[in-house]
Amino acid sequence: MSKVLGRTRLISLKVGNNGIDDNEAISHFSMWALMSSPLIIGTDVRTLTAPNLAIYLNPAVIALNQGVFAPRSIDAVHTHSNT
């Protein structure tokens, strides 16, 4: 995890990596989307299975991540005045 302008961001998606079953992958991708983290694939896309690819291409989850109600890093920026 990292912080960008005061907001926690997850770093890289693990869907498609060994050791993560389909249910864990769905939860993992959904958590990324809910936190409005960048959807950066952290595995070799040439080796993705059909279920893994379907997780990455889920339009409802992507819309949640990219939607108008998704928090943005810029929201955390405030100007502060000493006056």
Protein backbone atom coordinates (compact mmCIF):
# COMPACT_ATOMS: atom_id res chain seq x y z
CA MET A 1 0.00 0.00 0.00
CA SER A 2 1.05 3.56 -0.54
CA LYS A 3 -0.33 6.97 0.29
CA VAL A 4 -1.06 9.46 -2.45
CA LEU A 5 -2.09 12.89 -1.22
CA GLY A 6 -3.40 11.43 2.02
CA ARG A 7 -5.31 8.50 0.49
CA THR A 8 -4.27 4.88 0.77
CA ARG A 9 -3.67 3.23 -2.59
CA LEU A 10 -3.04 -0.43 -3.25
CA ILE A 11 -0.11 -1.08 -5.54
CA SER A 12 -0.59 -4.01 -7.93
CA LEU A 13 -3.32 -6.55 -8.60
CA LYS A 14 -2.51 -10.21 -8.03
CA VAL A 15 -5.38 -11.78 -10.00
CA GLY A 16 -3.82 -14.52 -12.13
CA ASN A 17 -0.83 -15.13 -9.87
CA ASN A 18 -0.31 -18.60 -8.43
CA GLY A 19 -1.89 -19.32 -5.07
CA ILE A 20 -5.04 -17.19 -5.50
CA ASP A 21 -8.26 -19.07 -6.25
CA ASP A 22 -11.13 -17.52 -8.21
CA ASN A 23 -13.10 -16.43 -5.12
CA GLU A 24 -10.03 -14.74 -3.64
CA ALA A 25 -9.33 -13.08 -6.98
CA ILE A 26 -12.87 -11.67 -7.17
CA SER A 27 -12.55 -10.28 -3.64
CA HIS A 28 -9.09 -8.91 -4.37
CA PHE A 29 -10.18 -7.08 -7.54
CA SER A 30 -13.34 -5.77 -5.88
CA MET A 31 -11.34 -4.37 -2.95
CA TRP A 32 -9.05 -2.54 -5.40
CA ALA A 33 -12.07 -1.06 -7.16
CA LEU A 34 -13.74 0.05 -3.92
CA MET A 35 -10.58 1.87 -2.85
CA SER A 36 -10.30 3.56 -6.28
CA SER A 37 -6.77 2.24 -6.58
CA PRO A 38 -5.17 2.11 -10.03
CA LEU A 39 -6.10 -1.10 -11.79
CA ILE A 40 -2.55 -2.20 -12.60
CA ILE A 41 -2.26 -5.87 -13.55
CA GLY A 42 0.58 -7.51 -11.64
CA THR A 43 0.82 -10.73 -13.62
CA ASP A 44 1.72 -11.86 -17.13
CA VAL A 45 -1.48 -11.27 -19.13
CA ARG A 46 -0.45 -13.95 -21.65
CA THR A 47 -0.99 -16.61 -18.97
CA LEU A 48 -4.38 -15.46 -17.66
CA THR A 49 -7.11 -18.08 -17.51
CA ALA A 50 -10.58 -17.31 -18.86
CA PRO A 51 -12.00 -16.83 -15.32
CA ASN A 52 -9.14 -14.45 -14.40
CA LEU A 53 -9.64 -12.44 -17.57
CA ALA A 54 -13.38 -12.24 -16.84
CA ILE A 55 -12.56 -10.78 -13.41
CA TYR A 56 -10.36 -8.08 -14.95
CA LEU A 57 -12.97 -7.26 -17.61
CA ASN A 58 -15.97 -7.04 -15.26
CA PRO A 59 -17.64 -3.79 -16.40
CA ALA A 60 -19.58 -3.27 -13.15
CA VAL A 61 -16.45 -3.42 -11.00
CA ILE A 62 -14.49 -1.21 -13.40
CA ALA A 63 -17.36 1.31 -13.38
CA LEU A 64 -17.28 1.33 -9.58
CA ASN A 65 -13.56 2.08 -9.67
CA GLN A 66 -13.86 4.76 -12.37
CA GLY A 67 -17.27 6.19 -11.51
CA VAL A 68 -18.23 9.69 -10.50
CA PHE A 69 -18.67 8.66 -6.86
CA ALA A 70 -15.24 7.05 -6.62
CA PRO A 71 -12.93 9.05 -4.35
CA ARG A 72 -10.05 10.72 -6.11
CA SER A 73 -6.66 11.64 -4.73
CA ILE A 74 -7.22 15.27 -5.54
CA ASP A 75 -10.12 15.30 -3.04
CA ALA A 76 -7.59 15.05 -0.23
CA VAL A 77 -5.77 18.24 -1.21
CA HIS A 78 -6.70 21.22 0.93
CA THR A 79 -5.23 24.68 0.96
CA HIS A 80 -4.26 25.94 4.36
CA SER A 81 -3.90 29.57 5.27
CA ASN A 82 -2.24 31.07 8.33
CA THR A 83 -4.53 34.11 8.24
